[in-house]
Full PDB file with SEQRES, HELIX, SHEET, SSBOND, CRYST1, ORIGX, SCALE, CONECT and MASTER records, all heavy atoms in Angstrom:
SEQRES   1 A   38  GLU ALA LEU LEU ARG ARG ALA GLN LEU GLU ARG GLU LEU          
SEQRES   2 A   38  LEU ASP THR GLY MET GLN PHE SER LEU ALA LEU ASP SER          
SEQRES   3 A   38  TYR ALA ALA ALA THR PRO ARG GLY GLN PRO ARG ALA              
HELIX    1 AA1 ALA A    2  ALA A   29  1                                  28    
CRYST1    1.000    1.000    1.000  90.00  90.00  90.00 P 1           1          
ORIGX1      1.000000  0.000000  0.000000        0.00000                         
ORIGX2      0.000000  1.000000  0.000000        0.00000                         
ORIGX3      0.000000  0.000000  1.000000        0.00000                         
SCALE1      1.000000  0.000000  0.000000        0.00000                         
SCALE2      0.000000  1.000000  0.000000        0.00000                         
SCALE3      0.000000  0.000000  1.000000        0.00000                         
ATOM      1  N   GLU A   1      48.879  -4.195 -61.417  1.00  0.00           N  
ATOM      2  CA  GLU A   1      47.588  -4.239 -60.768  1.00  0.00           C  
ATOM      3  C   GLU A   1      46.758  -3.026 -61.116  1.00  0.00           C  
ATOM      4  O   GLU A   1      45.522  -3.154 -61.345  1.00  0.00           O  
ATOM      5  CB  GLU A   1      47.763  -4.368 -59.249  1.00  0.00           C  
ATOM      6  CG  GLU A   1      48.345  -5.720 -58.779  1.00  0.00           C  
ATOM      7  CD  GLU A   1      48.479  -5.795 -57.284  1.00  0.00           C  
ATOM      8  OE1 GLU A   1      48.333  -4.766 -56.646  1.00  0.00           O  
ATOM      9  OE2 GLU A   1      48.816  -6.870 -56.796  1.00  0.00           O  
ATOM     10  N   ALA A   2      47.413  -1.861 -61.173  1.00  0.00           N  
ATOM     11  CA  ALA A   2      46.627  -0.620 -61.523  1.00  0.00           C  
ATOM     12  C   ALA A   2      46.130  -0.701 -62.956  1.00  0.00           C  
ATOM     13  O   ALA A   2      44.977  -0.286 -63.199  1.00  0.00           O  
ATOM     14  CB  ALA A   2      47.534   0.592 -61.291  1.00  0.00           C  
ATOM     15  N   LEU A   3      46.945  -1.213 -63.853  1.00  0.00           N  
ATOM     16  CA  LEU A   3      46.558  -1.319 -65.237  1.00  0.00           C  
ATOM     17  C   LEU A   3      45.371  -2.329 -65.353  1.00  0.00           C  
ATOM     18  O   LEU A   3      44.419  -2.069 -66.144  1.00  0.00           O  
ATOM     19  CB  LEU A   3      47.699  -1.707 -66.120  1.00  0.00           C  
ATOM     20  CG  LEU A   3      48.842  -0.705 -66.299  1.00  0.00           C  
ATOM     21  CD1 LEU A   3      49.978  -1.270 -67.066  1.00  0.00           C  
ATOM     22  CD2 LEU A   3      48.303   0.561 -66.913  1.00  0.00           C  
ATOM     23  N   LEU A   4      45.450  -3.472 -64.687  1.00  0.00           N  
ATOM     24  CA  LEU A   4      44.372  -4.432 -64.721  1.00  0.00           C  
ATOM     25  C   LEU A   4      43.123  -3.872 -64.135  1.00  0.00           C  
ATOM     26  O   LEU A   4      42.006  -4.088 -64.710  1.00  0.00           O  
ATOM     27  CB  LEU A   4      44.778  -5.697 -63.946  1.00  0.00           C  
ATOM     28  CG  LEU A   4      45.962  -6.519 -64.558  1.00  0.00           C  
ATOM     29  CD1 LEU A   4      46.283  -7.685 -63.632  1.00  0.00           C  
ATOM     30  CD2 LEU A   4      45.535  -7.039 -65.945  1.00  0.00           C  
ATOM     31  N   ARG A   5      43.224  -3.111 -63.066  1.00  0.00           N  
ATOM     32  CA  ARG A   5      42.048  -2.455 -62.489  1.00  0.00           C  
ATOM     33  C   ARG A   5      41.462  -1.473 -63.443  1.00  0.00           C  
ATOM     34  O   ARG A   5      40.257  -1.370 -63.625  1.00  0.00           O  
ATOM     35  CB  ARG A   5      42.454  -1.776 -61.170  1.00  0.00           C  
ATOM     36  CG  ARG A   5      41.334  -0.955 -60.535  1.00  0.00           C  
ATOM     37  CD  ARG A   5      40.138  -1.821 -60.206  1.00  0.00           C  
ATOM     38  NE  ARG A   5      39.100  -1.019 -59.557  1.00  0.00           N  
ATOM     39  CZ  ARG A   5      37.828  -1.445 -59.395  1.00  0.00           C  
ATOM     40  NH1 ARG A   5      37.467  -2.668 -59.848  1.00  0.00           N  
ATOM     41  NH2 ARG A   5      36.957  -0.691 -58.781  1.00  0.00           N  
ATOM     42  N   ARG A   6      42.278  -0.679 -64.110  1.00  0.00           N  
ATOM     43  CA  ARG A   6      41.801   0.294 -65.098  1.00  0.00           C  
ATOM     44  C   ARG A   6      41.105  -0.422 -66.260  1.00  0.00           C  
ATOM     45  O   ARG A   6      40.071   0.064 -66.734  1.00  0.00           O  
ATOM     46  CB  ARG A   6      43.038   1.104 -65.576  1.00  0.00           C  
ATOM     47  CG  ARG A   6      42.714   2.077 -66.680  1.00  0.00           C  
ATOM     48  CD  ARG A   6      41.768   3.211 -66.172  1.00  0.00           C  
ATOM     49  NE  ARG A   6      41.588   4.097 -67.264  1.00  0.00           N  
ATOM     50  CZ  ARG A   6      42.470   5.052 -67.630  1.00  0.00           C  
ATOM     51  NH1 ARG A   6      43.588   5.137 -66.918  1.00  0.00           N  
ATOM     52  NH2 ARG A   6      42.250   5.855 -68.616  1.00  0.00           N  
ATOM     53  N   ALA A   7      41.653  -1.472 -66.786  1.00  0.00           N  
ATOM     54  CA  ALA A   7      41.038  -2.182 -67.823  1.00  0.00           C  
ATOM     55  C   ALA A   7      39.703  -2.761 -67.434  1.00  0.00           C  
ATOM     56  O   ALA A   7      38.768  -2.753 -68.218  1.00  0.00           O  
ATOM     57  CB  ALA A   7      41.961  -3.356 -68.334  1.00  0.00           C  
ATOM     58  N   GLN A   8      39.595  -3.217 -66.202  1.00  0.00           N  
ATOM     59  CA  GLN A   8      38.298  -3.642 -65.687  1.00  0.00           C  
ATOM     60  C   GLN A   8      37.260  -2.545 -65.624  1.00  0.00           C  
ATOM     61  O   GLN A   8      36.108  -2.745 -66.012  1.00  0.00           O  
ATOM     62  CB  GLN A   8      38.471  -4.283 -64.318  1.00  0.00           C  
ATOM     63  CG  GLN A   8      37.179  -4.746 -63.621  1.00  0.00           C  
ATOM     64  CD  GLN A   8      36.493  -5.849 -64.332  1.00  0.00           C  
ATOM     65  OE1 GLN A   8      37.182  -6.641 -65.048  1.00  0.00           O  
ATOM     66  NE2 GLN A   8      35.173  -5.931 -64.218  1.00  0.00           N  
ATOM     67  N   LEU A   9      37.715  -1.386 -65.198  1.00  0.00           N  
ATOM     68  CA  LEU A   9      36.793  -0.234 -65.158  1.00  0.00           C  
ATOM     69  C   LEU A   9      36.294   0.146 -66.526  1.00  0.00           C  
ATOM     70  O   LEU A   9      35.137   0.532 -66.728  1.00  0.00           O  
ATOM     71  CB  LEU A   9      37.458   0.957 -64.446  1.00  0.00           C  
ATOM     72  CG  LEU A   9      37.763   0.770 -62.960  1.00  0.00           C  
ATOM     73  CD1 LEU A   9      38.455   2.031 -62.419  1.00  0.00           C  
ATOM     74  CD2 LEU A   9      36.460   0.511 -62.176  1.00  0.00           C  
ATOM     75  N   GLU A  10      37.219   0.052 -67.512  1.00  0.00           N  
ATOM     76  CA  GLU A  10      36.758   0.407 -68.890  1.00  0.00           C  
ATOM     77  C   GLU A  10      35.761  -0.631 -69.411  1.00  0.00           C  
ATOM     78  O   GLU A  10      34.834  -0.239 -70.135  1.00  0.00           O  
ATOM     79  CB  GLU A  10      38.015   0.433 -69.787  1.00  0.00           C  
ATOM     80  CG  GLU A  10      38.931   1.638 -69.526  1.00  0.00           C  
ATOM     81  CD  GLU A  10      40.081   1.805 -70.492  1.00  0.00           C  
ATOM     82  OE1 GLU A  10      40.087   0.952 -71.456  1.00  0.00           O  
ATOM     83  OE2 GLU A  10      40.893   2.661 -70.315  1.00  0.00           O  
ATOM     84  N   ARG A  11      35.936  -1.911 -69.064  1.00  0.00           N  
ATOM     85  CA  ARG A  11      34.936  -2.876 -69.486  1.00  0.00           C  
ATOM     86  C   ARG A  11      33.590  -2.579 -68.829  1.00  0.00           C  
ATOM     87  O   ARG A  11      32.530  -2.748 -69.492  1.00  0.00           O  
ATOM     88  CB  ARG A  11      35.446  -4.306 -69.157  1.00  0.00           C  
ATOM     89  CG  ARG A  11      36.564  -4.789 -70.031  1.00  0.00           C  
ATOM     90  CD  ARG A  11      36.778  -6.291 -69.861  1.00  0.00           C  
ATOM     91  NE  ARG A  11      37.307  -6.573 -68.525  1.00  0.00           N  
ATOM     92  CZ  ARG A  11      38.564  -6.652 -68.187  1.00  0.00           C  
ATOM     93  NH1 ARG A  11      39.492  -6.447 -69.115  1.00  0.00           N  
ATOM     94  NH2 ARG A  11      38.991  -6.904 -66.955  1.00  0.00           N  
ATOM     95  N   GLU A  12      33.635  -2.190 -67.594  1.00  0.00           N  
ATOM     96  CA  GLU A  12      32.364  -1.874 -66.885  1.00  0.00           C  
ATOM     97  C   GLU A  12      31.764  -0.645 -67.494  1.00  0.00           C  
ATOM     98  O   GLU A  12      30.517  -0.558 -67.641  1.00  0.00           O  
ATOM     99  CB  GLU A  12      32.647  -1.638 -65.412  1.00  0.00           C  
ATOM    100  CG  GLU A  12      33.067  -2.878 -64.658  1.00  0.00           C  
ATOM    101  CD  GLU A  12      33.363  -2.601 -63.166  1.00  0.00           C  
ATOM    102  OE1 GLU A  12      33.093  -1.464 -62.749  1.00  0.00           O  
ATOM    103  OE2 GLU A  12      33.831  -3.518 -62.497  1.00  0.00           O  
ATOM    104  N   LEU A  13      32.556   0.330 -67.918  1.00  0.00           N  
ATOM    105  CA  LEU A  13      32.040   1.507 -68.602  1.00  0.00           C  
ATOM    106  C   LEU A  13      31.358   1.136 -69.887  1.00  0.00           C  
ATOM    107  O   LEU A  13      30.253   1.675 -70.226  1.00  0.00           O  
ATOM    108  CB  LEU A  13      33.131   2.469 -68.867  1.00  0.00           C  
ATOM    109  CG  LEU A  13      32.770   3.828 -69.587  1.00  0.00           C  
ATOM    110  CD1 LEU A  13      31.726   4.605 -68.857  1.00  0.00           C  
ATOM    111  CD2 LEU A  13      34.022   4.659 -69.836  1.00  0.00           C  
ATOM    112  N   LEU A  14      31.922   0.259 -70.678  1.00  0.00           N  
ATOM    113  CA  LEU A  14      31.272  -0.210 -71.895  1.00  0.00           C  
ATOM    114  C   LEU A  14      29.927  -0.860 -71.611  1.00  0.00           C  
ATOM    115  O   LEU A  14      28.912  -0.639 -72.285  1.00  0.00           O  
ATOM    116  CB  LEU A  14      32.202  -1.137 -72.653  1.00  0.00           C  
ATOM    117  CG  LEU A  14      33.477  -0.514 -73.270  1.00  0.00           C  
ATOM    118  CD1 LEU A  14      34.346  -1.621 -73.832  1.00  0.00           C  
ATOM    119  CD2 LEU A  14      33.162   0.504 -74.312  1.00  0.00           C  
ATOM    120  N   ASP A  15      29.871  -1.741 -70.622  1.00  0.00           N  
ATOM    121  CA  ASP A  15      28.645  -2.414 -70.253  1.00  0.00           C  
ATOM    122  C   ASP A  15      27.585  -1.403 -69.779  1.00  0.00           C  
ATOM    123  O   ASP A  15      26.419  -1.475 -70.115  1.00  0.00           O  
ATOM    124  CB  ASP A  15      28.882  -3.478 -69.159  1.00  0.00           C  
ATOM    125  CG  ASP A  15      29.756  -4.612 -69.676  1.00  0.00           C  
ATOM    126  OD1 ASP A  15      29.841  -4.819 -70.892  1.00  0.00           O  
ATOM    127  OD2 ASP A  15      30.361  -5.269 -68.824  1.00  0.00           O  
ATOM    128  N   THR A  16      27.985  -0.412 -68.923  1.00  0.00           N  
ATOM    129  CA  THR A  16      27.052   0.546 -68.437  1.00  0.00           C  
ATOM    130  C   THR A  16      26.551   1.459 -69.541  1.00  0.00           C  
ATOM    131  O   THR A  16      25.362   1.721 -69.610  1.00  0.00           O  
ATOM    132  CB  THR A  16      27.745   1.422 -67.332  1.00  0.00           C  
ATOM    133  OG1 THR A  16      28.197   0.551 -66.306  1.00  0.00           O  
ATOM    134  CG2 THR A  16      26.744   2.424 -66.797  1.00  0.00           C  
ATOM    135  N   GLY A  17      27.501   1.839 -70.415  1.00  0.00           N  
ATOM    136  CA  GLY A  17      27.041   2.670 -71.582  1.00  0.00           C  
ATOM    137  C   GLY A  17      26.084   1.978 -72.483  1.00  0.00           C  
ATOM    138  O   GLY A  17      25.146   2.624 -73.001  1.00  0.00           O  
ATOM    139  N   MET A  18      26.265   0.678 -72.642  1.00  0.00           N  
ATOM    140  CA  MET A  18      25.283  -0.057 -73.474  1.00  0.00           C  
ATOM    141  C   MET A  18      23.952  -0.061 -72.863  1.00  0.00           C  
ATOM    142  O   MET A  18      22.887   0.030 -73.556  1.00  0.00           O  
ATOM    143  CB  MET A  18      25.779  -1.493 -73.658  1.00  0.00           C  
ATOM    144  CG  MET A  18      24.866  -2.353 -74.500  1.00  0.00           C  
ATOM    145  SD  MET A  18      25.387  -4.071 -74.721  1.00  0.00           S  
ATOM    146  CE  MET A  18      26.766  -3.819 -75.817  1.00  0.00           C  
ATOM    147  N   GLN A  19      23.820  -0.103 -71.534  1.00  0.00           N  
ATOM    148  CA  GLN A  19      22.530  -0.049 -70.904  1.00  0.00           C  
ATOM    149  C   GLN A  19      21.823   1.268 -71.216  1.00  0.00           C  
ATOM    150  O   GLN A  19      20.598   1.315 -71.391  1.00  0.00           O  
ATOM    151  CB  GLN A  19      22.699  -0.173 -69.367  1.00  0.00           C  
ATOM    152  CG  GLN A  19      23.245  -1.543 -68.914  1.00  0.00           C  
ATOM    153  CD  GLN A  19      22.321  -2.686 -69.331  1.00  0.00           C  
ATOM    154  OE1 GLN A  19      21.128  -2.638 -69.175  1.00  0.00           O  
ATOM    155  NE2 GLN A  19      22.946  -3.735 -69.832  1.00  0.00           N  
ATOM    156  N   PHE A  20      22.526   2.363 -71.178  1.00  0.00           N  
ATOM    157  CA  PHE A  20      21.936   3.621 -71.587  1.00  0.00           C  
ATOM    158  C   PHE A  20      21.482   3.621 -73.026  1.00  0.00           C  
ATOM    159  O   PHE A  20      20.405   4.135 -73.397  1.00  0.00           O  
ATOM    160  CB  PHE A  20      22.903   4.763 -71.358  1.00  0.00           C  
ATOM    161  CG  PHE A  20      23.034   5.271 -69.951  1.00  0.00           C  
ATOM    162  CD1 PHE A  20      24.128   4.860 -69.127  1.00  0.00           C  
ATOM    163  CD2 PHE A  20      22.049   6.022 -69.342  1.00  0.00           C  
ATOM    164  CE1 PHE A  20      24.208   5.323 -67.848  1.00  0.00           C  
ATOM    165  CE2 PHE A  20      22.110   6.443 -68.013  1.00  0.00           C  
ATOM    166  CZ  PHE A  20      23.209   6.073 -67.256  1.00  0.00           C  
ATOM    167  N   SER A  21      22.294   3.097 -73.930  1.00  0.00           N  
ATOM    168  CA  SER A  21      21.950   2.989 -75.370  1.00  0.00           C  
ATOM    169  C   SER A  21      20.646   2.177 -75.508  1.00  0.00           C  
ATOM    170  O   SER A  21      19.714   2.628 -76.262  1.00  0.00           O  
ATOM    171  CB  SER A  21      23.068   2.398 -76.188  1.00  0.00           C  
ATOM    172  OG  SER A  21      24.182   3.264 -76.176  1.00  0.00           O  
ATOM    173  N   LEU A  22      20.573   1.051 -74.884  1.00  0.00           N  
ATOM    174  CA  LEU A  22      19.361   0.192 -74.999  1.00  0.00           C  
ATOM    175  C   LEU A  22      18.158   0.897 -74.404  1.00  0.00           C  
ATOM    176  O   LEU A  22      17.052   0.728 -74.948  1.00  0.00           O  
ATOM    177  CB  LEU A  22      19.627  -1.125 -74.302  1.00  0.00           C  
ATOM    178  CG  LEU A  22      20.741  -2.005 -74.909  1.00  0.00           C  
ATOM    179  CD1 LEU A  22      20.917  -3.288 -74.116  1.00  0.00           C  
ATOM    180  CD2 LEU A  22      20.368  -2.388 -76.351  1.00  0.00           C  
ATOM    181  N   ALA A  23      18.356   1.643 -73.321  1.00  0.00           N  
ATOM    182  CA  ALA A  23      17.196   2.370 -72.737  1.00  0.00           C  
ATOM    183  C   ALA A  23      16.678   3.440 -73.678  1.00  0.00           C  
ATOM    184  O   ALA A  23      15.504   3.668 -73.770  1.00  0.00           O  
ATOM    185  CB  ALA A  23      17.601   2.942 -71.388  1.00  0.00           C  
ATOM    186  N   LEU A  24      17.606   4.174 -74.308  1.00  0.00           N  
ATOM    187  CA  LEU A  24      17.221   5.182 -75.263  1.00  0.00           C  
ATOM    188  C   LEU A  24      16.492   4.544 -76.451  1.00  0.00           C  
ATOM    189  O   LEU A  24      15.533   5.097 -76.983  1.00  0.00           O  
ATOM    190  CB  LEU A  24      18.444   5.958 -75.749  1.00  0.00           C  
ATOM    191  CG  LEU A  24      19.042   6.916 -74.704  1.00  0.00           C  
ATOM    192  CD1 LEU A  24      20.420   7.443 -75.178  1.00  0.00           C  
ATOM    193  CD2 LEU A  24      18.120   8.068 -74.354  1.00  0.00           C  
ATOM    194  N   ASP A  25      16.965   3.366 -76.893  1.00  0.00           N  
ATOM    195  CA  ASP A  25      16.319   2.665 -78.001  1.00  0.00           C  
ATOM    196  C   ASP A  25      14.918   2.269 -77.554  1.00  0.00           C  
ATOM    197  O   ASP A  25      13.964   2.344 -78.357  1.00  0.00           O  
ATOM    198  CB  ASP A  25      17.134   1.447 -78.393  1.00  0.00           C  
ATOM    199  CG  ASP A  25      18.391   1.840 -79.166  1.00  0.00           C  
ATOM    200  OD1 ASP A  25      18.507   2.994 -79.599  1.00  0.00           O  
ATOM    201  OD2 ASP A  25      19.298   1.000 -79.226  1.00  0.00           O  
ATOM    202  N   SER A  26      14.753   1.740 -76.322  1.00  0.00           N  
ATOM    203  CA  SER A  26      13.453   1.365 -75.841  1.00  0.00           C  
ATOM    204  C   SER A  26      12.507   2.524 -75.781  1.00  0.00           C  
ATOM    205  O   SER A  26      11.310   2.427 -76.114  1.00  0.00           O  
ATOM    206  CB  SER A  26      13.616   0.684 -74.447  1.00  0.00           C  
ATOM    207  OG  SER A  26      12.352   0.365 -73.902  1.00  0.00           O  
ATOM    208  N   TYR A  27      13.012   3.661 -75.331  1.00  0.00           N  
ATOM    209  CA  TYR A  27      12.144   4.845 -75.259  1.00  0.00           C  
ATOM    210  C   TYR A  27      11.670   5.238 -76.667  1.00  0.00           C  
ATOM    211  O   TYR A  27      10.507   5.615 -76.839  1.00  0.00           O  
ATOM    212  CB  TYR A  27      12.977   5.949 -74.590  1.00  0.00           C  
ATOM    213  CG  TYR A  27      12.231   7.266 -74.351  1.00  0.00           C  
ATOM    214  CD1 TYR A  27      11.683   7.537 -73.106  1.00  0.00           C  
ATOM    215  CD2 TYR A  27      12.082   8.237 -75.353  1.00  0.00           C  
ATOM    216  CE1 TYR A  27      10.994   8.700 -72.868  1.00  0.00           C  
ATOM    217  CE2 TYR A  27      11.358   9.420 -75.165  1.00  0.00           C  
ATOM    218  CZ  TYR A  27      10.827   9.642 -73.880  1.00  0.00           C  
ATOM    219  OH  TYR A  27      10.143  10.853 -73.658  1.00  0.00           O  
ATOM    220  N   ALA A  28      12.591   5.189 -77.615  1.00  0.00           N  
ATOM    221  CA  ALA A  28      12.205   5.564 -78.976  1.00  0.00           C  
ATOM    222  C   ALA A  28      11.192   4.582 -79.575  1.00  0.00           C  
ATOM    223  O   ALA A  28      10.251   5.023 -80.243  1.00  0.00           O  
ATOM    224  CB  ALA A  28      13.497   5.699 -79.860  1.00  0.00           C  
ATOM    225  N   ALA A  29      11.397   3.309 -79.337  1.00  0.00           N  
ATOM    226  CA  ALA A  29      10.533   2.304 -79.906  1.00  0.00           C  
ATOM    227  C   ALA A  29       9.131   2.384 -79.364  1.00  0.00           C  
ATOM    228  O   ALA A  29       8.180   2.034 -80.004  1.00  0.00           O  
ATOM    229  CB  ALA A  29      11.113   0.910 -79.729  1.00  0.00           C  
ATOM    230  N   ALA A  30       8.983   2.852 -78.063  1.00  0.00           N  
ATOM    231  CA  ALA A  30       7.705   2.861 -77.428  1.00  0.00           C  
ATOM    232  C   ALA A  30       6.986   4.207 -77.638  1.00  0.00           C  
ATOM    233  O   ALA A  30       5.925   4.412 -77.074  1.00  0.00           O  
ATOM    234  CB  ALA A  30       7.887   2.630 -75.957  1.00  0.00           C  
ATOM    235  N   THR A  31       7.564   5.117 -78.400  1.00  0.00           N  
ATOM    236  CA  THR A  31       7.010   6.477 -78.496  1.00  0.00           C  
ATOM    237  C   THR A  31       5.656   6.425 -79.249  1.00  0.00           C  
ATOM    238  O   THR A  31       5.541   5.878 -80.331  1.00  0.00           O  
ATOM    239  CB  THR A  31       7.986   7.358 -79.305  1.00  0.00           C  
ATOM    240  OG1 THR A  31       9.187   7.402 -78.623  1.00  0.00           O  
ATOM    241  CG2 THR A  31       7.419   8.749 -79.484  1.00  0.00           C  
ATOM    242  N   PRO A  32       4.607   6.994 -78.653  1.00  0.00           N  
ATOM    243  CA  PRO A  32       3.315   7.128 -79.328  1.00  0.00           C  
ATOM    244  C   PRO A  32       3.462   8.056 -80.599  1.00  0.00           C  
ATOM    245  O   PRO A  32       4.355   8.860 -80.629  1.00  0.00           O  
ATOM    246  CB  PRO A  32       2.395   7.779 -78.251  1.00  0.00           C  
ATOM    247  CG  PRO A  32       3.081   7.521 -76.941  1.00  0.00           C  
ATOM    248  CD  PRO A  32       4.542   7.525 -77.227  1.00  0.00           C  
ATOM    249  N   ARG A  33       2.571   7.847 -81.493  1.00  0.00           N  
ATOM    250  CA  ARG A  33       2.612   8.639 -82.703  1.00  0.00           C  
ATOM    251  C   ARG A  33       2.495  10.107 -82.423  1.00  0.00           C  
ATOM    252  O   ARG A  33       1.649  10.564 -81.649  1.00  0.00           O  
ATOM    253  CB  ARG A  33       1.455   8.178 -83.629  1.00  0.00           C  
ATOM    254  CG  ARG A  33       1.422   8.903 -85.011  1.00  0.00           C  
ATOM    255  CD  ARG A  33       0.225   8.462 -85.770  1.00  0.00           C  
ATOM    256  NE  ARG A  33       0.264   7.041 -86.036  1.00  0.00           N  
ATOM    257  CZ  ARG A  33       0.865   6.460 -87.076  1.00  0.00           C  
ATOM    258  NH1 ARG A  33       1.506   7.202 -87.922  1.00  0.00           N  
ATOM    259  NH2 ARG A  33       0.857   5.150 -87.238  1.00  0.00           N  
ATOM    260  N   GLY A  34       3.375  10.901 -83.075  1.00  0.00           N  
ATOM    261  CA  GLY A  34       3.318  12.323 -82.954  1.00  0.00           C  
ATOM    262  C   GLY A  34       4.100  12.884 -81.788  1.00  0.00           C  
ATOM    263  O   GLY A  34       4.063  14.116 -81.610  1.00  0.00           O  
ATOM    264  N   GLN A  35       4.779  12.070 -80.974  1.00  0.00           N  
ATOM    265  CA  GLN A  35       5.517  12.604 -79.822  1.00  0.00           C  
ATOM    266  C   GLN A  35       7.021  12.399 -80.065  1.00  0.00           C  
ATOM    267  O   GLN A  35       7.449  11.555 -80.882  1.00  0.00           O  
ATOM    268  CB  GLN A  35       5.116  11.842 -78.558  1.00  0.00           C  
ATOM    269  CG  GLN A  35       3.659  12.091 -78.156  1.00  0.00           C  
ATOM    270  CD  GLN A  35       3.369  11.647 -76.733  1.00  0.00           C  
ATOM    271  OE1 GLN A  35       4.312  11.568 -75.939  1.00  0.00           O  
ATOM    272  NE2 GLN A  35       2.134  11.443 -76.400  1.00  0.00           N  
ATOM    273  N   PRO A  36       7.875  13.199 -79.375  1.00  0.00           N  
ATOM    274  CA  PRO A  36       9.326  13.056 -79.575  1.00  0.00           C  
ATOM    275  C   PRO A  36       9.807  11.679 -79.234  1.00  0.00           C  
ATOM    276  O   PRO A  36       9.359  11.059 -78.288  1.00  0.00           O  
ATOM    277  CB  PRO A  36       9.886  14.145 -78.621  1.00  0.00           C  
ATOM    278  CG  PRO A  36       8.803  15.118 -78.378  1.00  0.00           C  
ATOM    279  CD  PRO A  36       7.548  14.314 -78.426  1.00  0.00           C  
ATOM    280  N   ARG A  37      10.795  11.224 -79.984  1.00  0.00           N  
ATOM    281  CA  ARG A  37      11.365   9.872 -79.798  1.00  0.00           C  
ATOM    282  C   ARG A  37      12.562   9.848 -78.931  1.00  0.00           C  
ATOM    283  O   ARG A  37      13.169   8.761 -78.752  1.00  0.00           O  
ATOM    284  CB  ARG A  37      11.676   9.291 -81.191  1.00  0.00           C  
ATOM    285  CG  ARG A  37      10.480   9.074 -82.089  1.00  0.00           C  
ATOM    286  CD  ARG A  37      10.888   8.683 -83.493  1.00  0.00           C  
ATOM    287  NE  ARG A  37      11.742   7.513 -83.469  1.00  0.00           N  
ATOM    288  CZ  ARG A  37      11.231   6.235 -83.457  1.00  0.00           C  
ATOM    289  NH1 ARG A  37       9.931   5.994 -83.403  1.00  0.00           N  
ATOM    290  NH2 ARG A  37      12.046   5.237 -83.516  1.00  0.00           N  
ATOM    291  N   ALA A  38      12.945  10.953 -78.300  1.00  0.00           N  
ATOM    292  CA  ALA A  38      14.123  11.022 -77.412  1.00  0.00           C  
ATOM    293  C   ALA A  38      13.730  11.834 -76.193  1.00  0.00           C  
ATOM    294  O   ALA A  38      13.029  12.860 -76.311  1.00  0.00           O  
ATOM    295  CB  ALA A  38      15.324  11.549 -78.155  1.00  0.00           C  
TER     296      ALA A  38                                                      
MASTER        0    0    0    1    0    0    0    6  295    1    0    3          
END                                                                             
């Protein structure tokens, strides 16, 4: 049960981390000309 719970937390970590990656991509794509992209 502990291993299954741990595996579930790792899957949630991957999903959460992807949300941060997509947000950083969105920030970069919306950057006005001449401003930092991160």
